[in-house]
N, C-alpha and C. Protein backbone atom coordinates (compact mmCIF):
# COMPACT_ATOMS: atom_id res chain seq x y z
N MET A 1 0.77 -0.92 0.13
CA MET A 1 -0.08 -0.13 -0.05
C MET A 1 0.91 1.11 -0.20
N PRO A 2 0.84 2.29 -0.99
CA PRO A 2 1.50 3.33 -1.00
C PRO A 2 1.22 4.22 0.23
N ILE A 3 2.32 5.03 0.62
CA ILE A 3 2.24 5.43 1.43
C ILE A 3 2.27 7.06 1.22
N HIS A 4 0.72 7.46 2.18
CA HIS A 4 0.48 9.16 1.71
C HIS A 4 0.44 10.23 2.85
N ASN A 5 0.60 9.55 4.17
CA ASN A 5 0.70 10.29 5.48
C ASN A 5 1.84 10.82 5.81
N ALA A 6 2.80 10.33 5.28
CA ALA A 6 4.35 11.26 5.62
C ALA A 6 4.53 12.22 5.60
N LEU A 7 4.92 13.04 6.76
CA LEU A 7 4.76 14.15 6.97
C LEU A 7 6.17 14.66 6.90
N PRO A 8 6.03 16.12 5.86
CA PRO A 8 7.44 16.38 5.17
C PRO A 8 8.57 16.54 5.95
N GLU A 9 8.23 16.78 7.27
CA GLU A 9 9.77 16.30 8.27
C GLU A 9 10.01 15.00 8.15
N THR A 10 9.55 14.41 8.14
CA THR A 10 9.46 12.67 8.04
C THR A 10 10.21 12.44 6.72
N ARG A 11 9.64 12.90 5.07
CA ARG A 11 10.22 13.03 4.03
C ARG A 11 11.95 13.45 4.35
N ALA A 12 11.84 14.52 4.65
CA ALA A 12 13.48 15.26 4.68
C ALA A 12 13.98 14.52 5.42
N HIS A 13 13.86 14.15 6.55
CA HIS A 13 14.94 13.34 7.62
C HIS A 13 15.13 11.72 6.77
N ALA A 14 14.04 11.11 6.20
CA ALA A 14 14.37 10.00 5.47
C ALA A 14 15.00 10.15 4.37
N MET A 15 14.90 11.54 3.67
CA MET A 15 15.62 11.48 2.43
C MET A 15 17.19 11.72 2.72
N LYS A 16 17.25 12.44 4.19
CA LYS A 16 18.72 12.62 4.77
C LYS A 16 19.41 11.33 4.89
N LEU A 17 18.79 10.42 5.69
CA LEU A 17 19.35 9.09 5.53
C LEU A 17 19.94 8.31 4.41
N VAL A 18 19.19 8.41 3.39
CA VAL A 18 19.45 8.06 2.19
C VAL A 18 20.41 8.53 1.62
N ALA A 19 20.73 9.88 1.36
CA ALA A 19 22.00 10.37 0.87
C ALA A 19 23.11 10.31 1.75
N ASP A 20 22.55 9.87 3.07
CA ASP A 20 24.03 9.23 3.73
C ASP A 20 24.13 7.94 3.73
N GLY A 21 23.42 7.06 2.74
CA GLY A 21 23.93 5.63 2.97
C GLY A 21 23.23 4.93 3.84
N LYS A 22 22.12 5.22 4.67
CA LYS A 22 21.88 4.77 5.60
C LYS A 22 20.12 4.36 5.00
N PRO A 23 19.92 3.47 4.13
CA PRO A 23 18.32 2.98 3.58
C PRO A 23 17.79 2.33 4.82
N VAL A 24 18.33 1.38 5.32
CA VAL A 24 17.59 0.62 6.46
C VAL A 24 17.20 1.89 7.64
N ALA A 25 17.88 2.67 7.92
CA ALA A 25 17.62 3.22 8.99
C ALA A 25 16.13 4.23 8.50
N ALA A 26 16.31 4.74 6.99
CA ALA A 26 15.38 5.51 6.58
C ALA A 26 13.84 4.45 6.98
N VAL A 27 14.18 3.57 6.41
CA VAL A 27 12.96 2.71 6.19
C VAL A 27 12.37 2.65 7.51
N ARG A 28 13.17 2.38 8.79
CA ARG A 28 12.72 1.97 9.91
C ARG A 28 11.42 3.53 10.16
N LEU A 29 12.53 4.51 10.15
CA LEU A 29 11.82 6.00 10.33
C LEU A 29 10.89 6.01 9.92
N VAL A 30 10.75 5.57 8.42
CA VAL A 30 9.29 6.17 7.94
C VAL A 30 8.04 4.70 8.70
N ARG A 31 8.55 3.86 8.84
CA ARG A 31 7.56 2.61 9.44
C ARG A 31 7.29 3.08 10.87
N LYS A 32 7.95 3.87 11.51
CA LYS A 32 7.36 4.38 13.00
C LYS A 32 6.73 5.59 12.71
N ALA A 33 7.02 6.58 11.67
CA ALA A 33 6.74 8.03 11.64
C ALA A 33 4.57 7.59 10.98
N THR A 34 5.02 6.66 10.01
CA THR A 34 3.40 6.39 9.49
C THR A 34 2.63 4.98 9.68
N GLY A 35 3.25 4.13 10.43
CA GLY A 35 2.97 3.05 10.39
C GLY A 35 2.86 2.13 9.49
N ALA A 36 3.57 2.09 8.34
CA ALA A 36 3.40 1.46 7.27
C ALA A 36 3.87 -0.02 7.70
N ASP A 37 3.53 -0.82 6.73
CA ASP A 37 4.53 -2.15 6.70
C ASP A 37 5.64 -2.05 6.40
N LEU A 38 6.67 -3.05 6.46
CA LEU A 38 7.42 -2.90 5.71
C LEU A 38 7.86 -2.71 4.08
N LEU A 39 7.37 -3.35 3.56
CA LEU A 39 7.23 -3.41 1.91
C LEU A 39 7.19 -1.91 1.71
N SER A 40 6.03 -1.47 2.01
CA SER A 40 5.53 -0.19 1.77
C SER A 40 6.47 0.68 2.00
N ALA A 41 7.17 0.51 3.07
CA ALA A 41 8.11 1.53 3.60
C ALA A 41 9.48 1.64 2.72
N LYS A 42 10.15 0.21 2.44
CA LYS A 42 11.14 -0.02 1.62
C LYS A 42 10.40 0.49 0.36
N VAL A 43 9.48 0.25 -0.30
CA VAL A 43 9.30 1.11 -1.76
C VAL A 43 9.38 2.50 -1.62
N TYR A 44 8.59 3.05 -0.57
CA TYR A 44 8.74 4.54 -0.38
C TYR A 44 10.56 5.01 -0.45
N VAL A 45 11.09 4.60 0.50
CA VAL A 45 12.55 5.00 0.58
C VAL A 45 13.15 4.37 -0.72
N ASP A 46 12.86 3.42 -1.25
CA ASP A 46 13.36 3.30 -2.57
C ASP A 46 13.10 4.44 -3.99
N GLY A 47 11.74 5.32 -3.70
CA GLY A 47 11.52 6.10 -4.14
C GLY A 47 12.50 7.26 -3.96
N LEU A 48 12.49 7.54 -2.89
CA LEU A 48 13.45 8.42 -2.25
C LEU A 48 15.02 8.23 -2.79
N LYS A 49 15.15 6.91 -2.69
CA LYS A 49 16.77 6.86 -3.24
C LYS A 49 16.90 7.07 -5.00
N VAL A 50 15.58 6.97 -5.50
CA VAL A 50 15.74 7.41 -7.14
C VAL A 50 15.76 8.63 -7.03
N GLU A 51 14.77 9.45 -6.53
CA GLU A 51 14.88 10.92 -6.21
C GLU A 51 16.42 11.95 -6.14
N PHE A 52 16.80 10.98 -5.06
CA PHE A 52 18.25 11.50 -4.86
C PHE A 52 19.23 11.37 -5.81
N LEU A 53 19.05 10.12 -6.72
CA LEU A 53 20.08 9.73 -7.46
C LEU A 53 19.67 10.27 -8.80
N ALA A 54 18.44 11.07 -8.88
CA ALA A 54 18.24 11.52 -10.26
C ALA A 54 18.89 13.35 -9.62
N GLY A 55 19.05 14.02 -8.75
CA GLY A 55 19.44 15.14 -8.51
C GLY A 55 21.26 15.02 -8.66
N ARG A 56 21.69 13.61 -8.73
CA ARG A 56 23.28 13.49 -9.07
C ARG A 56 23.61 13.51 -10.50
N VAL A 57 22.37 13.35 -11.62
CA VAL A 57 22.66 13.28 -13.13
C VAL A 57 22.43 14.18 -13.65
N PRO A 58 23.51 14.58 -14.29
CA PRO A 58 23.42 15.91 -15.10
C PRO A 58 22.54 15.62 -16.33
N ALA A 59 21.52 16.43 -16.75
CA ALA A 59 20.67 16.44 -17.73
C ALA A 59 21.24 15.86 -18.98
N GLU A 60 21.90 16.10 -19.59
CA GLU A 60 22.45 15.68 -20.81
C GLU A 60 22.91 14.32 -20.62
N VAL A 61 23.58 13.78 -19.28
CA VAL A 61 23.78 12.53 -19.02
C VAL A 61 22.55 11.49 -19.20
N GLU A 62 21.45 11.96 -18.40
CA GLU A 62 20.10 11.37 -18.42
C GLU A 62 19.59 11.26 -19.48
N ALA A 63 19.67 12.24 -20.37
CA ALA A 63 19.16 12.26 -21.72
C ALA A 63 19.85 11.16 -22.86
N ARG A 64 21.14 10.84 -22.43
CA ARG A 64 21.83 10.02 -22.90
C ARG A 64 21.43 8.63 -22.75
N ALA A 65 21.26 8.00 -21.47
CA ALA A 65 20.81 7.02 -20.57
C ALA A 65 19.35 6.85 -21.06
N ARG A 66 18.21 7.75 -21.37
CA ARG A 66 16.82 7.77 -21.88
C ARG A 66 17.04 6.99 -23.18
N ALA A 67 18.01 7.74 -23.81
CA ALA A 67 17.97 7.40 -25.37
C ALA A 67 18.63 5.61 -25.48
N LEU A 68 19.46 5.62 -24.68
CA LEU A 68 20.16 4.21 -24.79
C LEU A 68 18.87 3.02 -24.06
N VAL A 69 17.99 3.45 -23.29
CA VAL A 69 17.27 2.81 -22.82
C VAL A 69 16.37 2.59 -23.78
N ALA A 70 15.88 3.65 -24.43
CA ALA A 70 14.59 3.72 -25.81
C ALA A 70 15.19 2.58 -26.85
N GLU A 71 16.28 2.53 -27.21
CA GLU A 71 17.18 1.79 -27.99
C GLU A 71 17.44 0.06 -27.31
N GLY A 72 17.01 -0.19 -26.17
CA GLY A 72 16.96 -1.54 -25.83
C GLY A 72 18.28 -1.69 -25.48
N LYS A 73 18.97 -0.47 -24.89
CA LYS A 73 20.32 -0.83 -24.52
C LYS A 73 20.69 -0.43 -22.92
N PRO A 74 19.87 -1.27 -21.99
CA PRO A 74 19.95 -0.60 -20.54
C PRO A 74 20.95 -0.96 -19.87
N ARG A 75 21.99 -1.91 -20.46
CA ARG A 75 23.20 -2.28 -19.91
C ARG A 75 24.20 -1.11 -20.10
N GLU A 76 24.01 -0.56 -21.46
CA GLU A 76 24.84 0.26 -21.65
C GLU A 76 24.40 1.77 -20.90
N ALA A 77 23.20 1.87 -20.64
CA ALA A 77 22.94 2.90 -20.18
C ALA A 77 23.50 3.13 -18.57
N VAL A 78 23.54 2.01 -18.00
CA VAL A 78 24.00 1.76 -16.64
C VAL A 78 25.42 2.27 -16.56
N LYS A 79 26.44 1.71 -17.74
CA LYS A 79 27.53 1.59 -17.89
C LYS A 79 28.02 3.45 -18.12
N HIS A 80 26.87 3.93 -18.89
CA HIS A 80 27.34 5.59 -19.11
C HIS A 80 26.81 6.30 -17.92
N LEU A 81 25.91 5.66 -16.90
CA LEU A 81 25.70 6.51 -15.97
C LEU A 81 26.93 6.29 -14.93
N VAL A 82 27.57 5.35 -14.79
CA VAL A 82 28.42 4.85 -13.86
C VAL A 82 29.76 5.52 -14.67
N ARG A 83 30.34 5.60 -15.81
CA ARG A 83 31.29 6.24 -16.43
C ARG A 83 30.90 7.83 -16.18
N THR A 84 29.97 8.53 -16.33
CA THR A 84 29.80 9.79 -16.56
C THR A 84 29.14 10.31 -15.46
N ALA A 85 28.19 10.00 -14.48
CA ALA A 85 27.78 10.32 -13.80
C ALA A 85 28.41 9.96 -11.84
N GLY A 86 29.33 9.05 -12.04
CA GLY A 86 30.20 8.74 -11.09
C GLY A 86 29.11 7.75 -10.14
N LEU A 87 27.91 7.23 -10.56
CA LEU A 87 27.45 6.60 -10.20
C LEU A 87 27.84 5.06 -9.77
N GLY A 88 27.63 4.20 -9.03
CA GLY A 88 27.88 2.83 -8.53
C GLY A 88 27.17 2.17 -9.42
N LEU A 89 27.58 0.85 -9.49
CA LEU A 89 26.82 -0.03 -10.43
C LEU A 89 25.40 -0.34 -10.02
N LYS A 90 24.98 -0.65 -8.90
CA LYS A 90 24.28 -0.86 -8.08
C LYS A 90 23.31 0.56 -8.16
N ASP A 91 23.77 1.52 -8.13
CA ASP A 91 22.90 2.84 -8.42
C ASP A 91 22.25 2.91 -9.59
N GLY A 92 23.36 2.80 -10.38
CA GLY A 92 22.96 2.84 -12.12
C GLY A 92 22.10 2.10 -12.30
N LYS A 93 22.32 0.63 -12.02
CA LYS A 93 21.02 0.04 -12.30
C LYS A 93 19.53 0.41 -11.58
N GLN A 94 19.97 0.84 -10.80
CA GLN A 94 18.38 1.29 -9.79
C GLN A 94 17.95 2.18 -10.83
N TYR A 95 18.75 3.38 -10.94
CA TYR A 95 18.26 4.31 -11.91
C TYR A 95 17.97 4.12 -13.30
N VAL A 96 18.43 3.25 -13.83
CA VAL A 96 18.30 2.97 -15.04
C VAL A 96 16.64 2.02 -14.87
N ASP A 97 16.17 0.77 -14.11
CA ASP A 97 15.34 0.50 -14.01
C ASP A 97 14.14 1.58 -13.67
N ALA A 98 14.41 2.58 -13.08
CA ALA A 98 13.32 3.78 -12.87
C ALA A 98 13.29 4.30 -13.82
N LEU A 99 14.13 5.04 -14.93
CA LEU A 99 13.75 5.02 -16.22
C LEU A 99 12.66 4.42 -16.97
N ARG A 100 12.85 2.93 -17.03
CA ARG A 100 12.55 1.99 -17.73
C ARG A 100 11.27 1.98 -17.89
N ASP A 101 10.92 1.98 -16.21
CA ASP A 101 9.65 2.01 -15.22
C ASP A 101 8.72 3.21 -15.48
N GLY A 102 9.42 4.17 -15.89
CA GLY A 102 8.77 5.67 -15.88
C GLY A 102 8.36 6.06 -14.78
N ARG A 103 9.37 6.05 -13.60
CA ARG A 103 9.54 6.18 -12.36
C ARG A 103 10.26 7.52 -11.91
N LEU A 104 10.76 7.75 -12.97
CA LEU A 104 11.55 9.39 -13.28
C LEU A 104 10.50 10.26 -14.20
N PRO A 105 10.62 11.64 -13.23
CA PRO A 105 9.80 12.56 -14.12
C PRO A 105 10.51 12.81 -15.42
N GLY A 106 9.72 13.39 -16.30
CA GLY A 106 10.71 13.33 -17.90
C GLY A 106 11.46 14.92 -17.69
N ALA A 107 12.24 14.79 -18.47
CA ALA A 107 13.47 15.49 -18.39
C ALA A 107 13.02 17.21 -19.24
N ALA A 108 11.99 17.60 -18.16
CA ALA A 108 11.64 18.79 -18.67
C ALA A 108 12.47 19.89 -18.32
N ALA A 109 12.81 19.90 -16.97
CA ALA A 109 13.92 20.52 -16.68
C ALA A 109 14.98 20.62 -17.36
N ALA A 110 15.41 19.59 -18.18
CA ALA A 110 16.89 19.90 -18.88
C ALA A 110 16.38 20.86 -20.31
N GLY A 111 15.00 21.18 -20.48
CA GLY A 111 14.74 21.83 -21.53
C GLY A 111 14.07 21.09 -22.31
N PRO A 112 13.10 21.99 -23.25
CA PRO A 112 12.30 21.47 -24.47
C PRO A 112 12.80 19.80 -25.39
N LEU A 113 12.27 19.53 -25.37
CA LEU A 113 12.43 17.85 -26.18
C LEU A 113 13.23 18.62 -27.32
N SER A 114 12.45 19.53 -28.34
CA SER A 114 13.11 19.84 -29.33
C SER A 114 14.52 20.35 -29.34
N GLU A 115 15.22 21.28 -28.22
CA GLU A 115 16.57 21.67 -28.09
C GLU A 115 17.46 20.51 -27.59
N ARG A 116 16.80 19.40 -26.63
CA ARG A 116 17.29 18.49 -26.56
C ARG A 116 17.96 17.67 -27.94
N VAL A 117 16.97 17.40 -28.36
CA VAL A 117 17.52 16.36 -29.87
C VAL A 117 18.02 17.05 -30.52
N ARG A 118 18.15 18.71 -30.80
CA ARG A 118 19.02 19.55 -31.39
C ARG A 118 20.29 19.19 -31.04
N ALA A 119 20.70 18.97 -29.74
CA ALA A 119 21.88 18.79 -29.16
C ALA A 119 22.33 17.65 -29.73
N PHE A 120 21.53 16.51 -29.58
CA PHE A 120 22.31 15.07 -29.92
C PHE A 120 22.68 15.28 -31.40
N VAL A 121 21.74 15.74 -32.15
CA VAL A 121 22.10 15.84 -33.80
C VAL A 121 23.35 16.54 -33.97
N ALA A 122 23.30 18.03 -32.96
CA ALA A 122 24.69 18.69 -33.40
C ALA A 122 25.89 18.03 -32.84
N SER A 123 25.99 17.11 -32.00
CA SER A 123 27.12 16.09 -31.66
C SER A 123 26.99 14.90 -32.37
N GLY A 124 26.50 14.61 -33.23
CA GLY A 124 26.58 13.81 -34.43
C GLY A 124 26.05 12.45 -33.92
N ASP A 125 25.25 12.51 -32.99
CA ASP A 125 24.35 11.10 -32.27
C ASP A 125 22.94 11.29 -33.11
N ARG A 126 22.72 11.36 -34.06
CA ARG A 126 21.25 11.41 -34.63
C ARG A 126 20.19 10.12 -33.90
N ARG A 127 21.16 8.63 -33.72
CA ARG A 127 20.26 7.78 -33.59
C ARG A 127 19.96 8.09 -32.18
N SER A 128 20.69 8.68 -31.30
CA SER A 128 19.87 8.85 -29.90
C SER A 128 19.09 9.81 -30.13
N ALA A 129 19.08 10.86 -30.77
CA ALA A 129 17.99 12.00 -30.90
C ALA A 129 16.58 11.33 -31.10
N VAL A 130 16.56 10.25 -32.40
CA VAL A 130 15.35 9.57 -32.69
C VAL A 130 14.83 8.80 -31.86
N ALA A 131 16.01 7.85 -30.64
CA ALA A 131 15.61 7.00 -29.61
C ALA A 131 14.98 8.22 -28.35
N LEU A 132 15.40 9.29 -28.30
CA LEU A 132 14.66 9.99 -27.52
C LEU A 132 13.47 10.54 -27.45
N VAL A 133 13.20 11.02 -28.98
CA VAL A 133 11.90 11.53 -29.55
C VAL A 133 10.83 10.11 -29.20
N SER A 134 11.45 8.93 -29.48
CA SER A 134 10.46 8.07 -29.47
C SER A 134 10.11 7.34 -28.23
N ALA A 135 11.25 7.51 -27.15
CA ALA A 135 11.18 7.28 -25.56
C ALA A 135 9.93 8.28 -25.06
N GLU A 136 10.20 9.54 -25.30
CA GLU A 136 9.25 10.44 -24.83
C GLU A 136 7.87 10.83 -25.26
N THR A 137 7.59 10.51 -26.57
CA THR A 137 6.68 10.55 -27.06
C THR A 137 5.56 9.61 -27.36
N GLY A 138 6.39 8.68 -27.56
CA GLY A 138 5.51 7.46 -27.95
C GLY A 138 5.71 7.08 -29.55
N MET A 139 6.21 7.84 -30.03
CA MET A 139 6.04 7.65 -31.60
C MET A 139 7.06 6.63 -32.26
N THR A 140 6.36 5.77 -33.00
CA THR A 140 7.65 4.77 -33.72
C THR A 140 8.62 5.78 -33.96
N PRO A 141 9.43 4.86 -34.20
CA PRO A 141 10.95 5.19 -34.75
C PRO A 141 10.84 5.96 -35.96
N GLU A 142 10.16 5.34 -36.73
CA GLU A 142 9.45 6.07 -38.38
C GLU A 142 9.23 7.49 -38.21
N GLU A 143 8.36 7.65 -36.84
CA GLU A 143 7.83 9.09 -36.90
C GLU A 143 8.82 9.94 -36.20
N ALA A 144 9.43 9.29 -34.86
CA ALA A 144 10.20 10.40 -34.55
C ALA A 144 11.53 10.44 -35.27
N ASP A 145 11.89 9.76 -36.26
CA ASP A 145 12.90 10.22 -37.35
C ASP A 145 12.35 11.33 -38.35
N ARG A 146 10.99 11.42 -38.67
CA ARG A 146 10.44 12.27 -39.52
C ARG A 146 10.37 13.51 -38.42
N PHE A 147 10.09 13.14 -36.91
CA PHE A 147 10.02 14.59 -36.55
C PHE A 147 11.82 14.99 -36.17
N VAL A 148 12.69 14.17 -36.31
CA VAL A 148 14.14 14.80 -36.14
C VAL A 148 14.24 15.78 -37.27
N ASP A 149 13.96 14.95 -38.61
CA ASP A 149 13.97 15.84 -39.79
C ASP A 149 13.31 17.04 -39.95
N ALA A 150 12.19 17.19 -39.45
CA ALA A 150 11.52 18.63 -39.34
C ALA A 150 12.19 19.88 -38.63
N LEU A 151 13.29 19.26 -37.28
CA LEU A 151 13.73 20.50 -36.98
C LEU A 151 14.59 21.08 -37.29
N ASP A 152 15.25 20.59 -38.64
CA ASP A 152 16.26 20.82 -39.49
C ASP A 152 16.20 22.01 -40.09
């Protein structure tokens, strides 16, 4: 059962524990503060962990990871995150799983889709541009390719 009754103070304290590498203590805190069962508290803390990781991944690194996931290359996405964002292997996998499952918000904060696509094209990575459009809009690869063409 999802946790909806966590007070902002509880959330902030749990987030700090997650940032300090103490997820078990965060789960314990959430259970005590909300009365949630173990599984619900763990799912809640896992969400906080993904949110914390998202704050450590630069927008351009996330965009490339999203594109790799959209291309069906999750292992390469994990390697990319480990290499460029400095995440550990476990954190990189958790981040990619969150991307794949749609548990990370879109990269709207990184700018409009058209600008991010143009940046990929300008760097010579058209394939990632098409994959990004496909992943974020649900277009087929052919439709996404036409979208990228239309931006020129």
